[in-house]
Amino acid sequence: MAANYKTSDLALAAFLKMRGRKLLSACKLPGGRFEFNFDDDGTCATLAMEFVNGEFSAYDAQVRALKKALYGA
C-alpha cells in the first residue's frame, strides 16, 4: 500500500506534479494555508530534496521576491 505525502508549499506541489506524482487532494485549511496530498511511492521525500537543492526553488524565490516588490510586504 502506498503512503501519502503532504505539503503546504505550492511550488513544491507543482514540482511534484511535474515529476509525475499523482495529486490525491488539495484543500484550503483554516488560517489560509493550503494542503496538497500526493500518492507517494517512496520518492516524494527525495524529490522534495531535489526541489530544495535545485534551480526550481531558486526560481520560486525569485518569483516571490518579484511579487513582494509589486505588492509590498
C-alpha atoms as a PDB file:
ATOM      1  CA  MET A   1       0.000   0.000   0.000  1.00  0.00           C
ATOM      2  CA  ALA A   2       1.390   3.378  -0.993  1.00  0.00           C
ATOM      3  CA  ALA A   3       1.738   6.113   1.569  1.00  0.00           C
ATOM      4  CA  ASN A   4       0.670   9.733   1.201  1.00  0.00           C
ATOM      5  CA  TYR A   5       2.941  12.763   1.099  1.00  0.00           C
ATOM      6  CA  LYS A   6       1.552  16.098   2.297  1.00  0.00           C
ATOM      7  CA  THR A   7       2.891  19.589   1.760  1.00  0.00           C
ATOM      8  CA  SER A   8       1.582  23.132   2.123  1.00  0.00           C
ATOM      9  CA  ASP A   9       4.174  24.528  -0.305  1.00  0.00           C
ATOM     10  CA  LEU A  10       2.557  25.464  -3.624  1.00  0.00           C
ATOM     11  CA  ALA A  11       5.851  25.465  -5.536  1.00  0.00           C
ATOM     12  CA  LEU A  12       6.844  22.043  -4.183  1.00  0.00           C
ATOM     13  CA  ALA A  13       3.395  20.709  -5.073  1.00  0.00           C
ATOM     14  CA  ALA A  14       3.818  21.978  -8.627  1.00  0.00           C
ATOM     15  CA  PHE A  15       7.285  20.374  -8.794  1.00  0.00           C
ATOM     16  CA  LEU A  16       5.918  17.034  -7.587  1.00  0.00           C
ATOM     17  CA  LYS A  17       3.227  17.204 -10.279  1.00  0.00           C
ATOM     18  CA  MET A  18       5.927  17.957 -12.875  1.00  0.00           C
ATOM     19  CA  ARG A  19       7.789  14.856 -11.696  1.00  0.00           C
ATOM     20  CA  GLY A  20       4.729  12.682 -12.209  1.00  0.00           C
ATOM     21  CA  ARG A  21       3.413  12.312  -8.682  1.00  0.00           C
ATOM     22  CA  LYS A  22      -0.376  11.890  -8.520  1.00  0.00           C
ATOM     23  CA  LEU A  23      -2.237  14.622  -6.633  1.00  0.00           C
ATOM     24  CA  LEU A  24      -4.885  12.962  -4.466  1.00  0.00           C
ATOM     25  CA  SER A  25      -6.390  16.100  -2.945  1.00  0.00           C
ATOM     26  CA  ALA A  26      -5.860  19.808  -2.435  1.00  0.00           C
ATOM     27  CA  CYS A  27      -7.661  21.970   0.074  1.00  0.00           C
ATOM     28  CA  LYS A  28      -7.535  25.279   1.874  1.00  0.00           C
ATOM     29  CA  LEU A  29      -7.074  24.931   5.623  1.00  0.00           C
ATOM     30  CA  PRO A  30      -8.280  27.291   8.344  1.00  0.00           C
ATOM     31  CA  GLY A  31      -5.901  30.231   8.538  1.00  0.00           C
ATOM     32  CA  GLY A  32      -5.453  30.404   4.772  1.00  0.00           C
ATOM     33  CA  ARG A  33      -2.826  27.679   4.335  1.00  0.00           C
ATOM     34  CA  PHE A  34      -3.121  25.033   1.652  1.00  0.00           C
ATOM     35  CA  GLU A  35      -2.607  21.295   1.885  1.00  0.00           C
ATOM     36  CA  PHE A  36      -1.640  19.134  -1.068  1.00  0.00           C
ATOM     37  CA  ASN A  37      -1.839  15.372  -0.635  1.00  0.00           C
ATOM     38  CA  PHE A  38       0.118  13.164  -3.058  1.00  0.00           C
ATOM     39  CA  ASP A  39       0.278   9.446  -3.679  1.00  0.00           C
ATOM     40  CA  ASP A  40       3.811   8.550  -2.567  1.00  0.00           C
ATOM     41  CA  ASP A  41       5.631   5.552  -3.959  1.00  0.00           C
ATOM     42  CA  GLY A  42       8.560   6.358  -1.678  1.00  0.00           C
ATOM     43  CA  THR A  43      10.132   9.015  -3.902  1.00  0.00           C
ATOM     44  CA  CYS A  44       8.430  12.217  -2.705  1.00  0.00           C
ATOM     45  CA  ALA A  45      10.928  12.989   0.075  1.00  0.00           C
ATOM     46  CA  THR A  46      13.806  12.560  -2.389  1.00  0.00           C
ATOM     47  CA  LEU A  47      12.024  14.754  -4.927  1.00  0.00           C
ATOM     48  CA  ALA A  48      11.431  17.383  -2.234  1.00  0.00           C
ATOM     49  CA  MET A  49      15.185  17.456  -1.580  1.00  0.00           C
ATOM     50  CA  GLU A  50      15.810  17.753  -5.329  1.00  0.00           C
ATOM     51  CA  PHE A  51      13.446  20.724  -5.353  1.00  0.00           C
ATOM     52  CA  VAL A  52      15.146  22.437  -2.406  1.00  0.00           C
ATOM     53  CA  ASN A  53      18.663  21.888  -3.724  1.00  0.00           C
ATOM     54  CA  GLY A  54      17.959  22.707  -7.358  1.00  0.00           C
ATOM     55  CA  GLU A  55      17.130  25.640  -9.568  1.00  0.00           C
ATOM     56  CA  PHE A  56      13.395  25.195  -9.073  1.00  0.00           C
ATOM     57  CA  SER A  57      13.419  26.591  -5.537  1.00  0.00           C
ATOM     58  CA  ALA A  58      15.704  29.426  -6.664  1.00  0.00           C
ATOM     59  CA  TYR A  59      13.171  30.248  -9.377  1.00  0.00           C
ATOM     60  CA  ASP A  60      10.363  30.180  -6.816  1.00  0.00           C
ATOM     61  CA  ALA A  61      12.331  32.516  -4.525  1.00  0.00           C
ATOM     62  CA  GLN A  62      12.728  34.999  -7.377  1.00  0.00           C
ATOM     63  CA  VAL A  63       9.006  34.873  -8.188  1.00  0.00           C
ATOM     64  CA  ARG A  64       8.245  35.564  -4.513  1.00  0.00           C
ATOM     65  CA  ALA A  65      10.713  38.480  -4.481  1.00  0.00           C
ATOM     66  CA  LEU A  66       9.099  40.000  -7.571  1.00  0.00           C
ATOM     67  CA  LYS A  67       5.626  39.633  -6.057  1.00  0.00           C
ATOM     68  CA  LYS A  68       6.858  41.290  -2.903  1.00  0.00           C
ATOM     69  CA  ALA A  69       8.284  44.173  -4.951  1.00  0.00           C
ATOM     70  CA  LEU A  70       4.966  44.589  -6.752  1.00  0.00           C
ATOM     71  CA  TYR A  71       2.563  44.089  -3.864  1.00  0.00           C
ATOM     72  CA  GLY A  72       4.640  45.127  -0.868  1.00  0.00           C
ATOM     73  CA  ALA A  73       5.445  43.148   2.237  1.00  0.00           C
END
